Protein backbone atom coordinates (compact mmCIF):
# COMPACT_ATOMS: atom_id res chain seq x y z
CA UNK A 1 -0.35 -5.61 6.89
CA UNK A 2 0.86 -8.86 8.73
CA UNK A 3 -1.27 -11.82 7.49
CA UNK A 4 -1.06 -15.39 9.30
CA UNK A 5 -1.73 -17.62 6.43
CA UNK A 6 -0.26 -20.65 4.82
CA UNK A 7 1.40 -19.40 1.47
CA UNK A 8 1.10 -22.67 -0.13
CA UNK A 9 -2.80 -22.69 0.32
CA UNK A 10 -3.20 -19.11 -1.38
CA UNK A 11 -0.39 -19.07 -4.04
CA UNK A 12 1.05 -21.28 -6.80
CA UNK A 13 3.91 -22.02 -4.51
CA UNK A 14 6.49 -19.93 -6.26
CA UNK A 15 8.27 -16.74 -5.38
CA UNK A 16 9.01 -13.89 -8.00
CA UNK A 17 11.17 -10.98 -8.74
CA UNK A 18 10.10 -7.93 -10.82
CA UNK A 19 11.60 -9.49 -13.93
CA UNK A 20 9.55 -12.62 -13.81
CA UNK A 21 6.63 -13.60 -15.86
CA UNK A 22 3.34 -14.51 -13.87
CA UNK A 23 0.07 -15.73 -15.27
CA UNK A 24 -2.27 -12.97 -14.16
CA UNK A 25 -3.02 -10.94 -17.42
CA UNK A 26 -6.60 -9.73 -17.76
CA UNK A 27 -7.14 -7.35 -20.59
CA UNK A 28 -7.03 -4.39 -18.15
CA UNK A 29 -9.81 -6.09 -16.13
CA UNK A 30 -12.19 -6.00 -19.35
CA UNK A 31 -14.91 -4.15 -17.37
CA UNK A 32 -14.48 -6.24 -14.29
CA UNK A 33 -14.23 -4.47 -11.01
CA UNK A 34 -14.74 -7.10 -8.34
CA UNK A 35 -11.46 -6.36 -6.74
CA UNK A 36 -12.70 -2.68 -6.23
CA UNK A 37 -15.52 -3.67 -3.95
CA UNK A 38 -16.04 -5.18 -0.47
CA UNK A 39 -12.39 -4.68 0.53
CA UNK A 40 -13.34 -3.27 3.81
CA UNK A 41 -10.34 -1.43 5.31
CA UNK A 42 -7.58 -3.57 3.60
CA UNK A 43 -6.42 -1.03 1.04
CA UNK A 44 -3.76 0.51 3.39
CA UNK A 45 -1.79 3.54 1.93
CA UNK A 46 1.78 4.08 2.47
CA UNK A 47 3.60 7.54 2.37
CA UNK A 48 4.33 7.06 -1.50
CA UNK A 49 0.61 6.58 -2.19
CA UNK A 50 -0.41 9.76 -0.21
CA UNK A 51 2.29 11.59 -2.21
CA UNK A 52 0.83 10.44 -5.51
CA UNK A 53 -2.77 10.82 -4.34
CA UNK A 54 -2.40 14.34 -3.17
CA UNK A 55 -0.38 15.27 -6.17
CA UNK A 56 -2.68 13.67 -8.76
CA UNK A 57 -5.99 14.95 -7.17
CA UNK A 58 -4.58 18.34 -6.17
CA UNK A 59 -6.01 17.74 -2.76
CA UNK A 60 -4.65 17.91 0.86
CA UNK A 61 -4.62 14.76 2.95
CA UNK A 62 -7.12 16.49 5.07
CA UNK A 63 -9.25 16.77 2.26
CA UNK A 64 -9.02 13.36 1.12
CA UNK A 65 -9.75 12.07 4.75
CA UNK A 66 -13.00 14.14 4.77
CA UNK A 67 -14.63 11.87 1.81
CA UNK A 68 -12.36 9.08 0.28
CA UNK A 69 -9.83 8.00 2.97
CA UNK A 70 -10.43 6.74 6.56
CA UNK A 71 -7.93 6.19 9.46
CA UNK A 72 -7.67 2.57 10.86
CA UNK A 73 -5.15 0.87 13.15
CA UNK A 74 -3.15 -1.70 11.14
CA UNK A 75 -1.07 -4.02 13.55
CA UNK A 76 -0.99 -1.34 16.22
CA UNK A 77 0.09 1.69 13.87
CA UNK A 78 -2.54 4.07 12.78
CA UNK A 79 -2.47 4.36 9.01
CA UNK A 80 -4.96 5.76 6.26
CA UNK A 81 -6.90 3.25 3.88
CA UNK A 82 -9.30 3.81 1.13
CA UNK A 83 -12.90 4.00 2.15
CA UNK A 84 -15.63 1.78 0.90
CA UNK A 85 -18.91 3.43 -0.07
CA UNK A 86 -22.42 3.01 -1.29
CA UNK A 87 -24.74 0.08 -1.30
CA UNK A 88 -22.45 -1.91 -3.37
CA UNK A 89 -19.37 -1.14 -0.78
CA UNK A 90 -17.10 -0.16 -3.51
CA UNK A 91 -13.98 1.99 -3.70
CA UNK A 92 -14.40 5.69 -3.25
CA UNK A 93 -12.48 6.26 -6.36
CA UNK A 94 -14.54 3.93 -8.76
CA UNK A 95 -16.67 5.64 -11.41
CA UNK A 96 -20.34 5.02 -11.93
CA UNK A 97 -19.36 2.89 -15.06
CA UNK A 98 -16.98 0.73 -12.79
CA UNK A 99 -13.70 2.20 -13.83
CA UNK A 100 -10.86 3.54 -11.81
CA UNK A 101 -10.88 7.48 -11.67
CA UNK A 102 -7.17 7.47 -10.23
CA UNK A 103 -5.71 4.53 -12.36
CA UNK A 104 -2.59 6.43 -13.42
CA UNK A 105 -1.67 7.18 -9.74
CA UNK A 106 -3.50 4.32 -8.07
CA UNK A 107 -2.02 2.83 -4.91
CA UNK A 108 0.59 0.36 -4.60
CA UNK A 109 -1.92 -2.09 -3.15
CA UNK A 110 -3.89 -1.83 -6.50
CA UNK A 111 -0.94 -2.04 -8.62
CA UNK A 112 0.23 -5.21 -7.01
CA UNK A 113 -3.08 -7.02 -6.80
CA UNK A 114 -3.32 -10.22 -7.39
CA UNK A 115 0.21 -10.27 -6.15
CA UNK A 116 1.48 -10.14 -2.63
CA UNK A 117 4.94 -9.82 -0.95
CA UNK A 118 6.78 -12.16 1.30
CA UNK A 119 9.48 -10.35 3.52
CA UNK A 120 12.53 -12.10 4.95
CA UNK A 121 16.15 -11.42 5.19
CA UNK A 122 15.90 -7.66 4.70
CA UNK A 123 14.17 -8.04 1.39
CA UNK A 124 11.11 -9.30 -0.24
CA UNK A 125 9.94 -11.77 -2.97
CA UNK A 126 6.47 -11.42 -4.80
CA UNK A 127 3.98 -14.24 -4.88
CA UNK A 128 0.78 -14.83 -6.83
CA UNK A 129 -2.58 -15.04 -4.90
CA UNK A 130 -4.23 -17.36 -7.47
CA UNK A 131 -7.67 -17.44 -5.82
CA UNK A 132 -8.12 -13.57 -5.80
CA UNK A 133 -8.89 -12.56 -9.42
CA UNK A 134 -12.00 -14.25 -11.00
CA UNK A 135 -10.93 -13.22 -14.50
CA UNK A 136 -10.91 -16.31 -16.93
CA UNK A 137 -8.22 -17.52 -19.36
CA UNK A 138 -5.36 -15.37 -17.93
CA UNK A 139 -2.07 -14.83 -19.69
CA UNK A 140 1.59 -14.46 -18.53
CA UNK A 141 2.72 -10.79 -17.87
CA UNK A 142 6.19 -9.48 -16.59
CA UNK A 143 5.68 -8.03 -13.06
CA UNK A 144 7.74 -4.79 -13.52
CA UNK A 145 5.38 -3.45 -16.42
CA UNK A 146 2.31 -4.78 -14.34
CA UNK A 147 3.19 -2.75 -11.54
CA UNK A 148 3.80 0.31 -13.76
CA UNK A 149 5.92 2.29 -11.19
CA UNK A 150 8.68 4.49 -12.37
CA UNK A 151 12.24 3.85 -10.69
CA UNK A 152 11.01 0.56 -9.63
CA UNK A 153 14.29 -0.40 -7.92
CA UNK A 154 14.15 2.72 -5.81
CA UNK A 155 10.54 2.13 -5.07
CA UNK A 156 11.16 -1.49 -3.89
CA UNK A 157 13.84 -0.24 -1.75
CA UNK A 158 11.52 2.21 -0.21
CA UNK A 159 9.13 -0.31 0.44
CA UNK A 160 11.54 -2.52 2.27
CA UNK A 161 12.71 0.29 4.40
CA UNK A 162 9.13 1.26 5.31
CA UNK A 163 8.06 -2.07 5.92
CA UNK A 164 10.91 -2.97 8.47
CA UNK A 165 10.51 0.48 9.97
CA UNK A 166 6.84 -0.18 10.77
CA UNK A 167 7.70 -3.65 11.91
CA UNK A 168 10.22 -2.09 14.48
CA UNK A 169 7.46 0.29 15.55
CA UNK A 170 5.01 -2.55 15.99
CA UNK A 171 7.45 -4.82 18.00
CA UNK A 172 7.78 -1.74 20.36
CA UNK A 173 4.01 -1.12 20.69
CA UNK A 174 3.42 -4.78 21.46
CA UNK A 175 5.99 -4.59 24.25
CA UNK A 176 4.99 -1.17 25.54
CA UNK A 177 2.78 -0.91 28.50
CA UNK A 178 2.22 2.85 28.48
CA UNK A 179 -0.77 3.65 26.47
CA UNK A 180 0.08 7.50 26.34
CA UNK A 181 3.55 6.63 24.92
CA UNK A 182 1.95 4.35 22.25
CA UNK A 183 -0.61 7.21 21.43
CA UNK A 184 2.23 9.61 21.19
CA UNK A 185 4.29 7.45 18.93
CA UNK A 186 1.23 6.71 16.68
CA UNK A 187 0.65 10.50 16.30
CA UNK A 188 4.48 10.97 15.52
CA UNK A 189 4.34 8.52 12.76
CA UNK A 190 1.01 9.68 11.25
CA UNK A 191 2.04 13.38 11.36
CA UNK A 192 5.50 12.72 10.11
CA UNK A 193 4.73 10.52 7.19
CA UNK A 194 1.06 11.16 6.09
CA UNK A 195 -0.44 14.59 7.62
CA UNK A 196 2.59 16.69 6.92
CA UNK A 197 2.44 17.68 3.27
CA UNK A 198 4.80 16.41 0.63
CA UNK A 199 6.23 18.87 -2.00
CA UNK A 200 4.63 17.58 -5.27
CA UNK A 201 7.39 18.98 -7.56
CA UNK A 202 10.14 17.41 -5.35
CA UNK A 203 11.48 14.06 -5.39
CA UNK A 204 9.29 11.87 -3.15
CA UNK A 205 12.21 9.52 -2.02
CA UNK A 206 14.47 12.65 -0.80
CA UNK A 207 11.42 13.67 1.17
CA UNK A 208 10.75 10.38 2.65
CA UNK A 209 14.29 9.44 3.82
CA UNK A 210 14.54 12.92 5.43
CA UNK A 211 11.52 12.23 7.35
CA UNK A 212 12.77 8.61 8.13
CA UNK A 213 16.15 9.76 9.38
CA UNK A 214 14.57 12.59 11.52
CA UNK A 215 12.22 10.15 13.22
CA UNK A 216 14.81 7.64 13.83
CA UNK A 217 17.04 10.19 15.44
CA UNK A 218 14.01 11.21 17.69
CA UNK A 219 13.53 7.76 18.68
CA UNK A 220 17.15 6.94 18.94
CA UNK A 221 16.86 3.78 16.66
């Protein structure tokens, strides 16, 4: 999701890598779940998130879209996001006691919080959104274990490739005056990366890059 903000107003002004320490430790939220409520449609899911959710919950994407997820348009591209529900407008996967029911396979957005990413020169760095988490007396933690993602180097490369692929698609859509072509492209992306089931016992990255290469060949990019 593209955000038009002054990075110096929302961060500590520093850029971090996965091996850096950041003052954001919160004792596993210690009973707080403020970041799981009132998020609107901002918890956008990428293909790895869908792979993890369908595997972890043993549900199809279609099943998840019938209750816990919704489709929305992000910078011109149709993508799924977590649905907020109930009078408190809380995450669909939040328990009655205010704890995450999918914590071990939660989406990348949730793992990242309160960090963000800045993309440039074909890569990215992390930054700390200092006003997002209200937990007091935070302590320093290393980003890599904070994310808790296996094969983080491979995951980070996937995030880079996915981001810049979407950016290319967004640039094309912004310049395209053919609504039918835009709809066709959106459905191609949605079906290729989200609605077509991933094989849960096979490596995600192999499946993703096969799909990415196939769609690039179709689009001649």
